Amino acid sequence: MRGRTLSNAFVILDEGQNTSVNQLKMFLTRMGHNSKFIVTGDITQIDLPNKRDSGLVQAMNLLQGIEGISVVEFDERDIVRHRLVKHIVDAYNKKDTKESKE
C-alpha cells in the first residue's frame, strides 16, 4: 500500500484492532480526494501479543475531536445475532469487570 492514494473510493478495513500503529497510520494516510475510509474492530478482541500496540486503540484516542472523523462504539444492545449472544457477552463483561477489581 505504501505510495498509493485511494481517491474516489469507499474503503473498509475490518479487524482494525489487530493492526499495528504503523499499519493503521499507513492505511489512514492513503485517503485521497472524495474518499471515505471505515475502520471496524473490537478492542475487546485484540490478538496482538501486546494489546497496547493496537493501531485502532491509539487512533481512537489520537484522532478524537478532529472534524470529519467519527467514532461509533457499539455495546451488547447492538448485537443482532442469536439471542443468547447478548447473554454470553454480558457474562464475559461481568467476569472481566470482576477480575479488573481484584
N, C-alpha and C. Protein backbone atom coordinates (compact mmCIF):
# COMPACT_ATOMS: atom_id res chain seq x y z
N MET A 1 0.81 -1.21 0.00
CA MET A 1 0.00 0.00 0.00
C MET A 1 0.84 1.27 0.00
N ARG A 2 2.06 1.14 0.42
CA ARG A 2 2.90 2.32 0.53
C ARG A 2 2.98 3.03 -0.82
N GLY A 3 2.79 4.35 -0.80
CA GLY A 3 2.88 5.14 -2.02
C GLY A 3 1.58 5.27 -2.79
N ARG A 4 0.55 4.58 -2.37
CA ARG A 4 -0.75 4.63 -3.07
C ARG A 4 -1.62 5.74 -2.50
N THR A 5 -2.48 6.28 -3.35
CA THR A 5 -3.52 7.22 -2.93
C THR A 5 -4.83 6.66 -3.44
N LEU A 6 -5.78 6.49 -2.54
CA LEU A 6 -7.08 5.92 -2.90
C LEU A 6 -8.11 7.05 -3.01
N SER A 7 -8.31 7.54 -4.22
CA SER A 7 -9.27 8.61 -4.48
C SER A 7 -10.56 8.02 -5.03
N ASN A 8 -11.67 8.74 -4.81
CA ASN A 8 -12.97 8.29 -5.29
C ASN A 8 -13.24 6.86 -4.85
N ALA A 9 -13.00 6.60 -3.57
CA ALA A 9 -13.10 5.22 -3.08
C ALA A 9 -13.85 5.17 -1.76
N PHE A 10 -14.46 4.04 -1.53
CA PHE A 10 -15.06 3.72 -0.24
C PHE A 10 -14.31 2.49 0.24
N VAL A 11 -13.51 2.63 1.29
CA VAL A 11 -12.59 1.58 1.71
C VAL A 11 -12.91 1.14 3.13
N ILE A 12 -12.99 -0.16 3.33
CA ILE A 12 -13.27 -0.71 4.66
C ILE A 12 -12.09 -1.56 5.11
N LEU A 13 -11.57 -1.25 6.28
CA LEU A 13 -10.56 -2.07 6.91
C LEU A 13 -11.26 -2.79 8.07
N ASP A 14 -11.35 -4.11 7.99
CA ASP A 14 -12.01 -4.90 9.01
C ASP A 14 -10.97 -5.46 9.97
N GLU A 15 -11.37 -5.72 11.19
CA GLU A 15 -10.47 -6.26 12.23
C GLU A 15 -9.34 -5.28 12.54
N GLY A 16 -9.66 -4.01 12.55
CA GLY A 16 -8.66 -2.97 12.78
C GLY A 16 -7.95 -3.06 14.12
N GLN A 17 -8.57 -3.75 15.08
CA GLN A 17 -7.94 -3.88 16.40
C GLN A 17 -6.64 -4.68 16.31
N ASN A 18 -6.44 -5.44 15.25
CA ASN A 18 -5.24 -6.26 15.11
C ASN A 18 -4.20 -5.65 14.18
N THR A 19 -4.36 -4.37 13.86
CA THR A 19 -3.32 -3.68 13.09
C THR A 19 -2.33 -3.04 14.06
N SER A 20 -1.10 -2.96 13.63
CA SER A 20 -0.12 -2.23 14.42
C SER A 20 -0.36 -0.73 14.23
N VAL A 21 0.27 0.06 15.06
CA VAL A 21 0.15 1.52 14.93
C VAL A 21 0.62 1.95 13.54
N ASN A 22 1.75 1.43 13.09
CA ASN A 22 2.30 1.82 11.78
C ASN A 22 1.40 1.37 10.64
N GLN A 23 0.82 0.17 10.75
CA GLN A 23 -0.07 -0.31 9.70
C GLN A 23 -1.31 0.56 9.57
N LEU A 24 -1.92 0.92 10.69
CA LEU A 24 -3.12 1.74 10.62
C LEU A 24 -2.80 3.15 10.13
N LYS A 25 -1.69 3.69 10.57
CA LYS A 25 -1.28 5.01 10.09
C LYS A 25 -1.08 4.98 8.58
N MET A 26 -0.43 3.94 8.06
CA MET A 26 -0.20 3.83 6.62
C MET A 26 -1.55 3.74 5.90
N PHE A 27 -2.48 2.94 6.43
CA PHE A 27 -3.80 2.81 5.81
C PHE A 27 -4.52 4.16 5.78
N LEU A 28 -4.61 4.83 6.92
CA LEU A 28 -5.37 6.08 7.01
C LEU A 28 -4.78 7.19 6.14
N THR A 29 -3.48 7.17 5.96
CA THR A 29 -2.84 8.24 5.18
C THR A 29 -2.86 7.96 3.68
N ARG A 30 -3.54 6.92 3.24
CA ARG A 30 -3.72 6.64 1.81
C ARG A 30 -4.97 7.33 1.28
N MET A 31 -5.75 7.99 2.15
CA MET A 31 -7.02 8.59 1.78
C MET A 31 -6.81 9.73 0.78
N GLY A 32 -7.47 9.59 -0.38
CA GLY A 32 -7.40 10.62 -1.41
C GLY A 32 -8.70 11.42 -1.44
N HIS A 33 -8.80 12.29 -2.42
CA HIS A 33 -9.99 13.13 -2.58
C HIS A 33 -11.22 12.29 -2.83
N ASN A 34 -12.35 12.75 -2.27
CA ASN A 34 -13.65 12.13 -2.48
C ASN A 34 -13.66 10.66 -2.02
N SER A 35 -12.98 10.37 -0.93
CA SER A 35 -12.94 9.01 -0.39
C SER A 35 -13.49 8.98 1.01
N LYS A 36 -13.98 7.82 1.37
CA LYS A 36 -14.43 7.57 2.74
C LYS A 36 -13.73 6.30 3.20
N PHE A 37 -13.16 6.37 4.40
CA PHE A 37 -12.49 5.22 4.98
C PHE A 37 -13.25 4.79 6.23
N ILE A 38 -13.49 3.52 6.36
CA ILE A 38 -14.16 2.94 7.51
C ILE A 38 -13.20 1.93 8.13
N VAL A 39 -13.01 2.01 9.43
CA VAL A 39 -12.21 1.01 10.15
C VAL A 39 -13.13 0.36 11.17
N THR A 40 -13.27 -0.95 11.09
CA THR A 40 -14.07 -1.66 12.07
C THR A 40 -13.14 -2.47 12.96
N GLY A 41 -13.58 -2.72 14.16
CA GLY A 41 -12.77 -3.53 15.06
C GLY A 41 -13.41 -3.62 16.42
N ASP A 42 -12.99 -4.60 17.17
CA ASP A 42 -13.50 -4.83 18.52
C ASP A 42 -12.30 -4.83 19.46
N ILE A 43 -12.15 -3.76 20.23
CA ILE A 43 -10.97 -3.63 21.08
C ILE A 43 -10.99 -4.61 22.25
N THR A 44 -12.06 -5.37 22.41
CA THR A 44 -12.07 -6.43 23.43
C THR A 44 -11.53 -7.73 22.85
N GLN A 45 -11.19 -7.74 21.55
CA GLN A 45 -10.71 -8.96 20.91
C GLN A 45 -9.38 -8.74 20.18
N ILE A 46 -8.47 -8.04 20.81
CA ILE A 46 -7.16 -7.78 20.22
C ILE A 46 -6.31 -9.04 20.32
N ASP A 47 -5.77 -9.47 19.18
CA ASP A 47 -4.95 -10.68 19.12
C ASP A 47 -3.45 -10.40 19.08
N LEU A 48 -3.06 -9.15 19.19
CA LEU A 48 -1.64 -8.80 19.19
C LEU A 48 -0.99 -9.25 20.49
N PRO A 49 0.31 -9.59 20.46
CA PRO A 49 0.98 -10.02 21.70
C PRO A 49 0.86 -8.99 22.83
N ASN A 50 0.95 -7.71 22.49
CA ASN A 50 0.79 -6.65 23.47
C ASN A 50 -0.41 -5.80 23.04
N LYS A 51 -1.49 -5.89 23.79
CA LYS A 51 -2.73 -5.19 23.42
C LYS A 51 -2.54 -3.68 23.27
N ARG A 52 -1.55 -3.12 23.95
CA ARG A 52 -1.30 -1.68 23.86
C ARG A 52 -0.73 -1.27 22.50
N ASP A 53 -0.33 -2.25 21.68
CA ASP A 53 0.23 -1.96 20.36
C ASP A 53 -0.84 -1.84 19.27
N SER A 54 -2.12 -1.91 19.64
CA SER A 54 -3.20 -1.86 18.66
C SER A 54 -3.29 -0.47 18.03
N GLY A 55 -3.19 -0.44 16.71
CA GLY A 55 -3.33 0.82 16.00
C GLY A 55 -4.71 1.43 16.16
N LEU A 56 -5.73 0.58 16.28
CA LEU A 56 -7.09 1.09 16.44
C LEU A 56 -7.25 1.80 17.77
N VAL A 57 -6.73 1.23 18.84
CA VAL A 57 -6.84 1.86 20.16
C VAL A 57 -6.16 3.22 20.14
N GLN A 58 -4.95 3.27 19.57
CA GLN A 58 -4.23 4.54 19.52
C GLN A 58 -4.98 5.56 18.66
N ALA A 59 -5.48 5.13 17.51
CA ALA A 59 -6.17 6.06 16.61
C ALA A 59 -7.43 6.62 17.26
N MET A 60 -8.16 5.77 17.99
CA MET A 60 -9.37 6.25 18.65
C MET A 60 -9.05 7.36 19.65
N ASN A 61 -7.93 7.25 20.31
CA ASN A 61 -7.53 8.28 21.28
C ASN A 61 -6.92 9.50 20.58
N LEU A 62 -6.05 9.25 19.63
CA LEU A 62 -5.30 10.32 18.98
C LEU A 62 -6.15 11.20 18.07
N LEU A 63 -7.13 10.62 17.41
CA LEU A 63 -7.87 11.34 16.38
C LEU A 63 -9.21 11.90 16.84
N GLN A 64 -9.54 11.69 18.12
CA GLN A 64 -10.83 12.21 18.60
C GLN A 64 -10.83 13.73 18.54
N GLY A 65 -11.97 14.27 18.16
CA GLY A 65 -12.12 15.72 18.10
C GLY A 65 -11.74 16.33 16.77
N ILE A 66 -11.23 15.53 15.84
CA ILE A 66 -10.88 16.07 14.52
C ILE A 66 -12.14 16.08 13.66
N GLU A 67 -12.49 17.25 13.13
CA GLU A 67 -13.68 17.38 12.30
C GLU A 67 -13.57 16.45 11.10
N GLY A 68 -14.63 15.70 10.85
CA GLY A 68 -14.65 14.76 9.73
C GLY A 68 -14.32 13.33 10.13
N ILE A 69 -13.87 13.14 11.38
CA ILE A 69 -13.57 11.80 11.88
C ILE A 69 -14.55 11.50 13.01
N SER A 70 -15.20 10.36 12.90
CA SER A 70 -16.17 9.95 13.91
C SER A 70 -15.83 8.56 14.42
N VAL A 71 -16.14 8.34 15.68
CA VAL A 71 -16.01 7.01 16.29
C VAL A 71 -17.39 6.61 16.78
N VAL A 72 -17.83 5.45 16.36
CA VAL A 72 -19.10 4.90 16.80
C VAL A 72 -18.80 3.64 17.59
N GLU A 73 -19.21 3.62 18.85
CA GLU A 73 -18.97 2.44 19.68
C GLU A 73 -20.29 1.73 19.94
N PHE A 74 -20.28 0.42 19.76
CA PHE A 74 -21.45 -0.39 19.99
C PHE A 74 -21.29 -1.15 21.31
N ASP A 75 -22.40 -1.59 21.87
CA ASP A 75 -22.34 -2.45 23.06
C ASP A 75 -23.31 -3.60 22.87
N GLU A 76 -23.56 -4.33 23.95
CA GLU A 76 -24.40 -5.54 23.83
C GLU A 76 -25.82 -5.24 23.34
N ARG A 77 -26.27 -4.02 23.48
CA ARG A 77 -27.60 -3.66 22.98
C ARG A 77 -27.66 -3.68 21.46
N ASP A 78 -26.51 -3.63 20.81
CA ASP A 78 -26.46 -3.58 19.36
C ASP A 78 -26.27 -4.96 18.72
N ILE A 79 -26.18 -5.99 19.51
CA ILE A 79 -25.96 -7.34 18.98
C ILE A 79 -27.23 -7.82 18.28
N VAL A 80 -27.08 -8.26 17.04
CA VAL A 80 -28.22 -8.74 16.28
C VAL A 80 -28.04 -10.21 15.87
N ARG A 81 -27.23 -10.91 16.61
CA ARG A 81 -27.04 -12.34 16.35
C ARG A 81 -28.06 -13.12 17.17
N HIS A 82 -27.77 -14.36 17.38
CA HIS A 82 -28.66 -15.22 18.18
C HIS A 82 -28.91 -14.57 19.53
N ARG A 83 -30.12 -14.70 20.07
CA ARG A 83 -30.47 -14.03 21.33
C ARG A 83 -29.54 -14.40 22.48
N LEU A 84 -28.93 -15.57 22.44
CA LEU A 84 -28.02 -15.99 23.51
C LEU A 84 -26.69 -15.24 23.48
N VAL A 85 -26.32 -14.69 22.34
CA VAL A 85 -25.05 -13.98 22.23
C VAL A 85 -25.01 -12.80 23.20
N LYS A 86 -26.11 -12.10 23.38
CA LYS A 86 -26.16 -10.99 24.34
C LYS A 86 -25.84 -11.48 25.74
N HIS A 87 -26.37 -12.63 26.11
CA HIS A 87 -26.11 -13.19 27.43
C HIS A 87 -24.65 -13.64 27.57
N ILE A 88 -24.11 -14.18 26.52
CA ILE A 88 -22.70 -14.60 26.52
C ILE A 88 -21.78 -13.39 26.70
N VAL A 89 -22.02 -12.33 25.92
CA VAL A 89 -21.22 -11.11 26.03
C VAL A 89 -21.34 -10.51 27.42
N ASP A 90 -22.54 -10.47 27.96
CA ASP A 90 -22.76 -9.94 29.30
C ASP A 90 -21.99 -10.74 30.35
N ALA A 91 -22.01 -12.07 30.23
CA ALA A 91 -21.29 -12.92 31.19
C ALA A 91 -19.79 -12.64 31.15
N TYR A 92 -19.22 -12.51 29.95
CA TYR A 92 -17.79 -12.21 29.84
C TYR A 92 -17.47 -10.81 30.37
N ASN A 93 -18.34 -9.85 30.11
CA ASN A 93 -18.12 -8.49 30.63
C ASN A 93 -18.12 -8.48 32.16
N LYS A 94 -19.05 -9.21 32.77
CA LYS A 94 -19.09 -9.29 34.22
C LYS A 94 -17.82 -9.94 34.77
N LYS A 95 -17.35 -11.00 34.12
CA LYS A 95 -16.11 -11.68 34.53
C LYS A 95 -14.93 -10.71 34.45
N ASP A 96 -14.83 -9.98 33.32
CA ASP A 96 -13.72 -9.05 33.13
C ASP A 96 -13.76 -7.92 34.16
N THR A 97 -14.95 -7.42 34.46
CA THR A 97 -15.10 -6.36 35.47
C THR A 97 -14.67 -6.87 36.84
N LYS A 98 -15.07 -8.07 37.17
CA LYS A 98 -14.71 -8.66 38.46
C LYS A 98 -13.20 -8.85 38.57
N GLU A 99 -12.57 -9.36 37.49
CA GLU A 99 -11.13 -9.59 37.50
C GLU A 99 -10.35 -8.28 37.58
N SER A 100 -10.85 -7.22 36.96
CA SER A 100 -10.13 -5.95 36.99
C SER A 100 -10.16 -5.30 38.37
N LYS A 101 -11.15 -5.68 39.19
CA LYS A 101 -11.25 -5.14 40.54
C LYS A 101 -10.38 -5.92 41.52
N GLU A 102 -9.95 -7.09 41.13
CA GLU A 102 -9.15 -7.93 42.06
C GLU A 102 -7.69 -7.54 42.07
